[in-house]
All heavy atoms as atom14 arrays in JSON, in Angstrom:
{
  "sequence": "GFSNYASSVKGRFIISRDNAKNTVYLEMNSLKSEDTAVYYCLANQ",
  "atom14_mask": [
    [1, 1, 1, 1, 0, 0, 0, 0, 0, 0, 0, 0, 0, 0],
    [1, 1, 1, 1, 1, 1, 1, 1, 1, 1, 1, 0, 0, 0],
    [1, 1, 1, 1, 1, 1, 0, 0, 0, 0, 0, 0, 0, 0],
    [1, 1, 1, 1, 1, 1, 1, 1, 0, 0, 0, 0, 0, 0],
    [1, 1, 1, 1, 1, 1, 1, 1, 1, 1, 1, 1, 0, 0],
    [1, 1, 1, 1, 1, 0, 0, 0, 0, 0, 0, 0, 0, 0],
    [1, 1, 1, 1, 1, 1, 0, 0, 0, 0, 0, 0, 0, 0],
    [1, 1, 1, 1, 1, 1, 0, 0, 0, 0, 0, 0, 0, 0],
    [1, 1, 1, 1, 1, 1, 1, 0, 0, 0, 0, 0, 0, 0],
    [1, 1, 1, 1, 1, 1, 1, 1, 1, 0, 0, 0, 0, 0],
    [1, 1, 1, 1, 0, 0, 0, 0, 0, 0, 0, 0, 0, 0],
    [1, 1, 1, 1, 1, 1, 1, 1, 1, 1, 1, 0, 0, 0],
    [1, 1, 1, 1, 1, 1, 1, 1, 1, 1, 1, 0, 0, 0],
    [1, 1, 1, 1, 1, 1, 1, 1, 0, 0, 0, 0, 0, 0],
    [1, 1, 1, 1, 1, 1, 1, 1, 0, 0, 0, 0, 0, 0],
    [1, 1, 1, 1, 1, 1, 0, 0, 0, 0, 0, 0, 0, 0],
    [1, 1, 1, 1, 1, 1, 1, 1, 1, 1, 1, 0, 0, 0],
    [1, 1, 1, 1, 1, 1, 1, 1, 0, 0, 0, 0, 0, 0],
    [1, 1, 1, 1, 1, 1, 1, 1, 0, 0, 0, 0, 0, 0],
    [1, 1, 1, 1, 1, 0, 0, 0, 0, 0, 0, 0, 0, 0],
    [1, 1, 1, 1, 1, 1, 1, 1, 1, 0, 0, 0, 0, 0],
    [1, 1, 1, 1, 1, 1, 1, 1, 0, 0, 0, 0, 0, 0],
    [1, 1, 1, 1, 1, 1, 1, 0, 0, 0, 0, 0, 0, 0],
    [1, 1, 1, 1, 1, 1, 1, 0, 0, 0, 0, 0, 0, 0],
    [1, 1, 1, 1, 1, 1, 1, 1, 1, 1, 1, 1, 0, 0],
    [1, 1, 1, 1, 1, 1, 1, 1, 0, 0, 0, 0, 0, 0],
    [1, 1, 1, 1, 1, 1, 1, 1, 1, 0, 0, 0, 0, 0],
    [1, 1, 1, 1, 1, 1, 1, 1, 0, 0, 0, 0, 0, 0],
    [1, 1, 1, 1, 1, 1, 1, 1, 0, 0, 0, 0, 0, 0],
    [1, 1, 1, 1, 1, 1, 0, 0, 0, 0, 0, 0, 0, 0],
    [1, 1, 1, 1, 1, 1, 1, 1, 0, 0, 0, 0, 0, 0],
    [1, 1, 1, 1, 1, 1, 1, 1, 1, 0, 0, 0, 0, 0],
    [1, 1, 1, 1, 1, 1, 0, 0, 0, 0, 0, 0, 0, 0],
    [1, 1, 1, 1, 1, 1, 1, 1, 1, 0, 0, 0, 0, 0],
    [1, 1, 1, 1, 1, 1, 1, 1, 0, 0, 0, 0, 0, 0],
    [1, 1, 1, 1, 1, 1, 1, 0, 0, 0, 0, 0, 0, 0],
    [1, 1, 1, 1, 1, 0, 0, 0, 0, 0, 0, 0, 0, 0],
    [1, 1, 1, 1, 1, 1, 1, 0, 0, 0, 0, 0, 0, 0],
    [1, 1, 1, 1, 1, 1, 1, 1, 1, 1, 1, 1, 0, 0],
    [1, 1, 1, 1, 1, 1, 1, 1, 1, 1, 1, 1, 0, 0],
    [1, 1, 1, 1, 1, 1, 0, 0, 0, 0, 0, 0, 0, 0],
    [1, 1, 1, 1, 1, 1, 1, 1, 0, 0, 0, 0, 0, 0],
    [1, 1, 1, 1, 1, 0, 0, 0, 0, 0, 0, 0, 0, 0],
    [1, 1, 1, 1, 1, 1, 1, 1, 0, 0, 0, 0, 0, 0],
    [1, 1, 1, 1, 1, 1, 1, 1, 1, 0, 0, 0, 0, 0]
  ],
  "atom14_positions": [
    [[-17.58, -2.42, 5.71], [-16.29, -2.96, 6.09], [-15.49, -3.59, 4.98], [-14.43, -4.17, 5.24], [0.0, 0.0, 0.0], [0.0, 0.0, 0.0], [0.0, 0.0, 0.0], [0.0, 0.0, 0.0], [0.0, 0.0, 0.0], [0.0, 0.0, 0.0], [0.0, 0.0, 0.0], [0.0, 0.0, 0.0], [0.0, 0.0, 0.0], [0.0, 0.0, 0.0]],
    [[-15.95, -3.5, 3.73], [-15.15, -3.99, 2.62], [-14.08, -2.95, 2.28], [-14.39, -1.77, 2.14], [-16.02, -4.28, 1.41], [-16.98, -5.41, 1.63], [-18.3, -5.16, 1.97], [-16.56, -6.73, 1.5], [-19.18, -6.2, 2.19], [-17.44, -7.78, 1.72], [-18.76, -7.51, 2.07], [0.0, 0.0, 0.0], [0.0, 0.0, 0.0], [0.0, 0.0, 0.0]],
    [[-12.87, -3.4, 2.13], [-11.75, -2.48, 1.94], [-10.95, -2.82, 0.7], [-10.89, -3.98, 0.29], [-10.82, -2.52, 3.16], [-11.52, -2.22, 4.35], [0.0, 0.0, 0.0], [0.0, 0.0, 0.0], [0.0, 0.0, 0.0], [0.0, 0.0, 0.0], [0.0, 0.0, 0.0], [0.0, 0.0, 0.0], [0.0, 0.0, 0.0], [0.0, 0.0, 0.0]],
    [[-10.35, -1.79, 0.12], [-9.37, -2.01, -0.95], [-8.17, -1.13, -0.7], [-8.27, -0.07, -0.08], [-9.98, -1.77, -2.33], [-10.41, -0.35, -2.56], [-11.3, 0.15, -1.91], [-9.74, 0.32, -3.5], [0.0, 0.0, 0.0], [0.0, 0.0, 0.0], [0.0, 0.0, 0.0], [0.0, 0.0, 0.0], [0.0, 0.0, 0.0], [0.0, 0.0, 0.0]],
    [[-7.04, -1.6, -1.2], [-5.76, -0.95, -0.94], [-5.0, -0.72, -2.24], [-5.11, -1.49, -3.19], [-4.89, -1.83, -0.04], [-5.43, -2.05, 1.35], [-6.33, -3.07, 1.61], [-5.04, -1.22, 2.4], [-6.82, -3.28, 2.89], [-5.51, -1.43, 3.68], [-6.4, -2.46, 3.92], [-6.87, -2.66, 5.19], [0.0, 0.0, 0.0], [0.0, 0.0, 0.0]],
    [[-4.18, 0.3, -2.24], [-3.21, 0.45, -3.32], [-2.22, -0.7, -3.22], [-1.88, -1.15, -2.11], [-2.48, 1.78, -3.2], [0.0, 0.0, 0.0], [0.0, 0.0, 0.0], [0.0, 0.0, 0.0], [0.0, 0.0, 0.0], [0.0, 0.0, 0.0], [0.0, 0.0, 0.0], [0.0, 0.0, 0.0], [0.0, 0.0, 0.0], [0.0, 0.0, 0.0]],
    [[-1.76, -1.18, -4.35], [-0.84, -2.32, -4.34], [0.45, -2.0, -3.58], [1.06, -2.87, -2.98], [-0.51, -2.74, -5.77], [0.03, -1.66, -6.5], [0.0, 0.0, 0.0], [0.0, 0.0, 0.0], [0.0, 0.0, 0.0], [0.0, 0.0, 0.0], [0.0, 0.0, 0.0], [0.0, 0.0, 0.0], [0.0, 0.0, 0.0], [0.0, 0.0, 0.0]],
    [[0.83, -0.73, -3.59], [2.08, -0.32, -2.95], [2.03, -0.42, -1.42], [3.08, -0.42, -0.77], [2.45, 1.1, -3.36], [1.42, 2.01, -2.99], [0.0, 0.0, 0.0], [0.0, 0.0, 0.0], [0.0, 0.0, 0.0], [0.0, 0.0, 0.0], [0.0, 0.0, 0.0], [0.0, 0.0, 0.0], [0.0, 0.0, 0.0], [0.0, 0.0, 0.0]],
    [[0.82, -0.47, -0.85], [0.71, -0.51, 0.61], [0.09, -1.81, 1.1], [0.05, -2.04, 2.32], [-0.11, 0.68, 1.14], [0.46, 2.0, 0.63], [-1.59, 0.55, 0.8], [0.0, 0.0, 0.0], [0.0, 0.0, 0.0], [0.0, 0.0, 0.0], [0.0, 0.0, 0.0], [0.0, 0.0, 0.0], [0.0, 0.0, 0.0], [0.0, 0.0, 0.0]],
    [[-0.38, -2.64, 0.2], [-1.05, -3.88, 0.6], [-0.07, -4.74, 1.41], [1.08, -4.93, 1.03], [-1.53, -4.62, -0.64], [-2.61, -5.65, -0.37], [-3.19, -6.18, -1.67], [-3.98, -5.14, -2.42], [-4.64, -5.68, -3.63], [0.0, 0.0, 0.0], [0.0, 0.0, 0.0], [0.0, 0.0, 0.0], [0.0, 0.0, 0.0], [0.0, 0.0, 0.0]],
    [[-0.56, -5.23, 2.55], [0.27, -6.04, 3.42], [1.03, -5.23, 4.46], [1.57, -5.8, 5.41], [0.0, 0.0, 0.0], [0.0, 0.0, 0.0], [0.0, 0.0, 0.0], [0.0, 0.0, 0.0], [0.0, 0.0, 0.0], [0.0, 0.0, 0.0], [0.0, 0.0, 0.0], [0.0, 0.0, 0.0], [0.0, 0.0, 0.0], [0.0, 0.0, 0.0]],
    [[1.06, -3.92, 4.28], [1.76, -3.06, 5.25], [0.79, -2.13, 5.99], [1.0, -1.83, 7.17], [2.81, -2.21, 4.54], [3.9, -3.0, 3.85], [5.02, -2.08, 3.34], [4.56, -1.14, 2.34], [4.68, 0.18, 2.44], [5.23, 0.73, 3.51], [4.24, 0.98, 1.47], [0.0, 0.0, 0.0], [0.0, 0.0, 0.0], [0.0, 0.0, 0.0]],
    [[-0.24, -1.68, 5.3], [-1.21, -0.74, 5.88], [-2.52, -1.46, 6.14], [-2.91, -2.36, 5.4], [-1.47, 0.42, 4.93], [-0.32, 1.37, 4.74], [0.96, 1.1, 5.21], [-0.52, 2.58, 4.07], [2.01, 1.98, 5.02], [0.52, 3.47, 3.87], [1.79, 3.17, 4.35], [0.0, 0.0, 0.0], [0.0, 0.0, 0.0], [0.0, 0.0, 0.0]],
    [[-3.2, -1.03, 7.19], [-4.52, -1.58, 7.51], [-5.48, -0.42, 7.76], [-5.21, 0.44, 8.61], [-4.46, -2.48, 8.76], [-3.5, -3.64, 8.52], [-5.86, -3.0, 9.09], [-3.25, -4.48, 9.76], [0.0, 0.0, 0.0], [0.0, 0.0, 0.0], [0.0, 0.0, 0.0], [0.0, 0.0, 0.0], [0.0, 0.0, 0.0], [0.0, 0.0, 0.0]],
    [[-6.6, -0.43, 7.05], [-7.64, 0.57, 7.27], [-8.72, -0.05, 8.13], [-9.07, -1.22, 7.97], [-8.21, 1.11, 5.94], [-9.11, 2.31, 6.18], [-8.93, 0.01, 5.16], [-9.5, 3.04, 4.89], [0.0, 0.0, 0.0], [0.0, 0.0, 0.0], [0.0, 0.0, 0.0], [0.0, 0.0, 0.0], [0.0, 0.0, 0.0], [0.0, 0.0, 0.0]],
    [[-9.23, 0.74, 9.07], [-10.33, 0.27, 9.9], [-11.26, 1.45, 10.17], [-10.91, 2.6, 9.93], [-9.81, -0.33, 11.21], [-9.1, 0.64, 11.96], [0.0, 0.0, 0.0], [0.0, 0.0, 0.0], [0.0, 0.0, 0.0], [0.0, 0.0, 0.0], [0.0, 0.0, 0.0], [0.0, 0.0, 0.0], [0.0, 0.0, 0.0], [0.0, 0.0, 0.0]],
    [[-12.42, 1.11, 10.68], [-13.45, 2.14, 10.79], [-14.35, 1.86, 11.99], [-14.67, 0.7, 12.27], [-14.25, 2.14, 9.49], [-15.42, 3.07, 9.43], [-15.98, 3.03, 8.02], [-17.16, 3.85, 7.91], [-17.77, 4.15, 6.78], [-17.28, 3.69, 5.63], [-18.84, 4.9, 6.75], [0.0, 0.0, 0.0], [0.0, 0.0, 0.0], [0.0, 0.0, 0.0]],
    [[-14.74, 2.9, 12.66], [-15.7, 2.82, 13.76], [-16.9, 3.67, 13.34], [-16.87, 4.89, 13.44], [-15.07, 3.34, 15.05], [-15.96, 3.18, 16.27], [-17.21, 3.14, 16.08], [-15.44, 3.08, 17.38], [0.0, 0.0, 0.0], [0.0, 0.0, 0.0], [0.0, 0.0, 0.0], [0.0, 0.0, 0.0], [0.0, 0.0, 0.0], [0.0, 0.0, 0.0]],
    [[-17.94, 3.01, 12.87], [-19.11, 3.74, 12.38], [-19.8, 4.54, 13.48], [-20.35, 5.61, 13.24], [-20.1, 2.78, 11.73], [-19.6, 2.24, 10.4], [-18.85, 2.91, 9.68], [-19.99, 1.03, 10.07], [0.0, 0.0, 0.0], [0.0, 0.0, 0.0], [0.0, 0.0, 0.0], [0.0, 0.0, 0.0], [0.0, 0.0, 0.0], [0.0, 0.0, 0.0]],
    [[-19.79, 3.99, 14.69], [-20.44, 4.7, 15.79], [-19.74, 6.03, 16.1], [-20.39, 6.99, 16.52], [-20.45, 3.81, 17.04], [0.0, 0.0, 0.0], [0.0, 0.0, 0.0], [0.0, 0.0, 0.0], [0.0, 0.0, 0.0], [0.0, 0.0, 0.0], [0.0, 0.0, 0.0], [0.0, 0.0, 0.0], [0.0, 0.0, 0.0], [0.0, 0.0, 0.0]],
    [[-18.45, 6.07, 15.88], [-17.68, 7.29, 16.13], [-17.42, 8.08, 14.85], [-16.76, 9.12, 14.9], [-16.35, 6.95, 16.79], [-16.48, 6.32, 18.17], [-15.1, 6.04, 18.76], [-15.22, 5.44, 20.16], [-13.88, 5.15, 20.75], [0.0, 0.0, 0.0], [0.0, 0.0, 0.0], [0.0, 0.0, 0.0], [0.0, 0.0, 0.0], [0.0, 0.0, 0.0]],
    [[-17.9, 7.57, 13.71], [-17.63, 8.23, 12.43], [-16.14, 8.52, 12.26], [-15.74, 9.62, 11.86], [-18.44, 9.52, 12.3], [-19.92, 9.25, 12.17], [-20.36, 8.52, 11.3], [-20.71, 9.82, 13.08], [0.0, 0.0, 0.0], [0.0, 0.0, 0.0], [0.0, 0.0, 0.0], [0.0, 0.0, 0.0], [0.0, 0.0, 0.0], [0.0, 0.0, 0.0]],
    [[-15.35, 7.53, 12.56], [-13.9, 7.68, 12.54], [-13.28, 6.56, 11.7], [-13.72, 5.41, 11.79], [-13.33, 7.66, 13.95], [-13.89, 8.74, 14.71], [-11.82, 7.82, 13.94], [0.0, 0.0, 0.0], [0.0, 0.0, 0.0], [0.0, 0.0, 0.0], [0.0, 0.0, 0.0], [0.0, 0.0, 0.0], [0.0, 0.0, 0.0], [0.0, 0.0, 0.0]],
    [[-12.29, 6.93, 10.92], [-11.55, 5.96, 10.14], [-10.08, 6.05, 10.54], [-9.58, 7.13, 10.86], [-11.74, 6.19, 8.62], [-11.18, 7.53, 8.17], [-11.15, 5.05, 7.81], [0.0, 0.0, 0.0], [0.0, 0.0, 0.0], [0.0, 0.0, 0.0], [0.0, 0.0, 0.0], [0.0, 0.0, 0.0], [0.0, 0.0, 0.0], [0.0, 0.0, 0.0]],
    [[-9.42, 4.91, 10.55], [-8.04, 4.82, 10.98], [-7.18, 4.22, 9.86], [-7.68, 3.47, 9.02], [-7.92, 3.94, 12.22], [-8.81, 4.34, 13.36], [-10.06, 3.75, 13.51], [-8.41, 5.3, 14.28], [-10.9, 4.12, 14.56], [-9.24, 5.67, 15.33], [-10.49, 5.08, 15.47], [-11.31, 5.46, 16.51], [0.0, 0.0, 0.0], [0.0, 0.0, 0.0]],
    [[-5.92, 4.54, 9.91], [-4.97, 3.92, 8.99], [-3.74, 3.53, 9.79], [-3.0, 4.41, 10.25], [-4.59, 4.85, 7.84], [-3.72, 4.23, 6.76], [-4.5, 3.16, 5.97], [-3.18, 5.29, 5.8], [0.0, 0.0, 0.0], [0.0, 0.0, 0.0], [0.0, 0.0, 0.0], [0.0, 0.0, 0.0], [0.0, 0.0, 0.0], [0.0, 0.0, 0.0]],
    [[-3.55, 2.23, 9.95], [-2.36, 1.72, 10.63], [-1.31, 1.5, 9.55], [-1.53, 0.73, 8.61], [-2.69, 0.41, 11.32], [-1.56, -0.17, 12.14], [-1.35, 0.56, 13.47], [-2.34, 1.1, 14.02], [-0.2, 0.62, 13.92], [0.0, 0.0, 0.0], [0.0, 0.0, 0.0], [0.0, 0.0, 0.0], [0.0, 0.0, 0.0], [0.0, 0.0, 0.0]],
    [[-0.18, 2.17, 9.69], [0.87, 2.09, 8.67], [2.11, 1.45, 9.29], [2.66, 1.99, 10.27], [1.21, 3.49, 8.14], [0.0, 4.24, 7.59], [0.43, 5.81, 6.83], [0.97, 6.73, 8.28], [0.0, 0.0, 0.0], [0.0, 0.0, 0.0], [0.0, 0.0, 0.0], [0.0, 0.0, 0.0], [0.0, 0.0, 0.0], [0.0, 0.0, 0.0]],
    [[2.5, 0.34, 8.74], [3.64, -0.41, 9.24], [4.71, -0.54, 8.16], [4.44, -0.35, 6.98], [3.2, -1.8, 9.7], [2.14, -1.75, 10.77], [2.32, -1.14, 11.81], [1.01, -2.41, 10.51], [0.0, 0.0, 0.0], [0.0, 0.0, 0.0], [0.0, 0.0, 0.0], [0.0, 0.0, 0.0], [0.0, 0.0, 0.0], [0.0, 0.0, 0.0]],
    [[5.92, -0.88, 8.6], [7.04, -1.07, 7.66], [7.14, 0.1, 6.7], [7.24, -0.08, 5.48], [6.86, -2.38, 6.89], [6.79, -3.47, 7.77], [0.0, 0.0, 0.0], [0.0, 0.0, 0.0], [0.0, 0.0, 0.0], [0.0, 0.0, 0.0], [0.0, 0.0, 0.0], [0.0, 0.0, 0.0], [0.0, 0.0, 0.0], [0.0, 0.0, 0.0]],
    [[7.1, 1.29, 7.25], [7.08, 2.48, 6.42], [8.36, 2.64, 5.62], [9.46, 2.3, 6.09], [6.83, 3.72, 7.28], [5.37, 3.89, 7.71], [5.25, 4.79, 8.91], [4.54, 4.43, 6.55], [0.0, 0.0, 0.0], [0.0, 0.0, 0.0], [0.0, 0.0, 0.0], [0.0, 0.0, 0.0], [0.0, 0.0, 0.0], [0.0, 0.0, 0.0]],
    [[8.2, 3.15, 4.41], [9.3, 3.38, 3.5], [9.39, 4.86, 3.16], [8.4, 5.59, 3.3], [9.09, 2.57, 2.21], [8.84, 1.1, 2.41], [8.51, 0.42, 1.09], [8.23, -1.06, 1.27], [7.89, -1.73, -0.01], [0.0, 0.0, 0.0], [0.0, 0.0, 0.0], [0.0, 0.0, 0.0], [0.0, 0.0, 0.0], [0.0, 0.0, 0.0]],
    [[10.53, 5.27, 2.66], [10.69, 6.68, 2.32], [9.67, 7.11, 1.26], [9.2, 8.25, 1.28], [12.11, 6.95, 1.81], [12.42, 6.12, 0.71], [0.0, 0.0, 0.0], [0.0, 0.0, 0.0], [0.0, 0.0, 0.0], [0.0, 0.0, 0.0], [0.0, 0.0, 0.0], [0.0, 0.0, 0.0], [0.0, 0.0, 0.0], [0.0, 0.0, 0.0]],
    [[9.3, 6.18, 0.39], [8.33, 6.53, -0.65], [6.9, 6.69, -0.12], [6.01, 7.05, -0.87], [8.35, 5.49, -1.78], [8.23, 4.06, -1.35], [9.59, 3.38, -1.25], [10.53, 4.0, -0.71], [9.69, 2.22, -1.69], [0.0, 0.0, 0.0], [0.0, 0.0, 0.0], [0.0, 0.0, 0.0], [0.0, 0.0, 0.0], [0.0, 0.0, 0.0]],
    [[6.69, 6.41, 1.15], [5.38, 6.67, 1.77], [5.26, 8.13, 2.23], [4.19, 8.55, 2.66], [5.16, 5.76, 2.98], [5.07, 4.29, 2.6], [4.39, 3.98, 1.58], [5.67, 3.46, 3.3], [0.0, 0.0, 0.0], [0.0, 0.0, 0.0], [0.0, 0.0, 0.0], [0.0, 0.0, 0.0], [0.0, 0.0, 0.0], [0.0, 0.0, 0.0]],
    [[6.35, 8.87, 2.13], [6.31, 10.29, 2.52], [5.33, 11.05, 1.64], [5.41, 11.0, 0.42], [7.72, 10.9, 2.39], [8.58, 10.29, 3.34], [7.67, 12.4, 2.64], [0.0, 0.0, 0.0], [0.0, 0.0, 0.0], [0.0, 0.0, 0.0], [0.0, 0.0, 0.0], [0.0, 0.0, 0.0], [0.0, 0.0, 0.0], [0.0, 0.0, 0.0]],
    [[4.39, 11.72, 2.29], [3.35, 12.44, 1.56], [2.44, 13.16, 2.56], [2.54, 12.93, 3.77], [2.52, 11.49, 0.71], [0.0, 0.0, 0.0], [0.0, 0.0, 0.0], [0.0, 0.0, 0.0], [0.0, 0.0, 0.0], [0.0, 0.0, 0.0], [0.0, 0.0, 0.0], [0.0, 0.0, 0.0], [0.0, 0.0, 0.0], [0.0, 0.0, 0.0]],
    [[1.57, 13.97, 2.02], [0.46, 14.49, 2.81], [-0.69, 13.5, 2.65], [-1.05, 13.16, 1.52], [0.03, 15.89, 2.36], [-1.17, 16.37, 3.18], [1.19, 16.87, 2.5], [0.0, 0.0, 0.0], [0.0, 0.0, 0.0], [0.0, 0.0, 0.0], [0.0, 0.0, 0.0], [0.0, 0.0, 0.0], [0.0, 0.0, 0.0], [0.0, 0.0, 0.0]],
    [[-1.23, 13.06, 3.76], [-2.29, 12.07, 3.74], [-3.63, 12.78, 4.02], [-3.76, 13.52, 4.99], [-2.03, 11.0, 4.79], [-0.98, 10.01, 4.35], [0.35, 10.39, 4.23], [-1.32, 8.7, 4.03], [1.32, 9.51, 3.81], [-0.36, 7.8, 3.6], [0.97, 8.2, 3.49], [1.92, 7.31, 3.07], [0.0, 0.0, 0.0], [0.0, 0.0, 0.0]],
    [[-4.58, 12.51, 3.14], [-5.9, 13.14, 3.22], [-6.97, 12.1, 3.51], [-6.99, 11.03, 2.91], [-6.24, 13.83, 1.9], [-5.34, 14.99, 1.55], [-4.21, 14.79, 0.77], [-5.63, 16.28, 1.99], [-3.37, 15.84, 0.43], [-4.8, 17.34, 1.66], [-3.68, 17.12, 0.88], [-2.86, 18.17, 0.55], [0.0, 0.0, 0.0], [0.0, 0.0, 0.0]],
    [[-7.85, 12.46, 4.38], [-9.01, 11.63, 4.69], [-10.15, 12.0, 3.76], [-10.32, 13.18, 3.4], [-9.4, 11.88, 6.14], [-10.9, 11.04, 6.67], [0.0, 0.0, 0.0], [0.0, 0.0, 0.0], [0.0, 0.0, 0.0], [0.0, 0.0, 0.0], [0.0, 0.0, 0.0], [0.0, 0.0, 0.0], [0.0, 0.0, 0.0], [0.0, 0.0, 0.0]],
    [[-10.94, 11.01, 3.38], [-12.1, 11.23, 2.54], [-13.32, 10.58, 3.17], [-13.24, 9.51, 3.77], [-11.87, 10.6, 1.16], [-13.09, 10.54, 0.25], [-12.72, 10.89, -1.19], [-13.72, 9.15, 0.28], [0.0, 0.0, 0.0], [0.0, 0.0, 0.0], [0.0, 0.0, 0.0], [0.0, 0.0, 0.0], [0.0, 0.0, 0.0], [0.0, 0.0, 0.0]],
    [[-14.45, 11.24, 3.02], [-15.74, 10.66, 3.4], [-16.73, 10.94, 2.28], [-16.82, 12.07, 1.8], [-16.24, 11.23, 4.71], [0.0, 0.0, 0.0], [0.0, 0.0, 0.0], [0.0, 0.0, 0.0], [0.0, 0.0, 0.0], [0.0, 0.0, 0.0], [0.0, 0.0, 0.0], [0.0, 0.0, 0.0], [0.0, 0.0, 0.0], [0.0, 0.0, 0.0]],
    [[-17.43, 9.91, 1.87], [-18.43, 10.06, 0.81], [-19.83, 9.98, 1.4], [-20.16, 9.02, 2.11], [-18.23, 8.97, -0.24], [-19.23, 9.08, -1.37], [-20.36, 8.6, -1.27], [-18.82, 9.73, -2.44], [0.0, 0.0, 0.0], [0.0, 0.0, 0.0], [0.0, 0.0, 0.0], [0.0, 0.0, 0.0], [0.0, 0.0, 0.0], [0.0, 0.0, 0.0]],
    [[-20.62, 10.97, 1.07], [-22.0, 11.01, 1.57], [-22.9, 11.41, 0.43], [-22.72, 12.49, -0.15], [-22.12, 12.01, 2.72], [-23.49, 12.04, 3.37], [-23.6, 13.17, 4.38], [-23.32, 14.32, 4.08], [-23.97, 12.82, 5.6], [0.0, 0.0, 0.0], [0.0, 0.0, 0.0], [0.0, 0.0, 0.0], [0.0, 0.0, 0.0], [0.0, 0.0, 0.0]]
  ]
}
């Protein structure tokens, strides 16, 4: 549950995770035009 963020999204985005469901979420608030992108999920095993 330790998280780190890019400085550009800190305070606006929140990452969370449900280990039982093997699911990760990204809550994005106060979105800006510069947030436009393709967003990719990563899992390290």
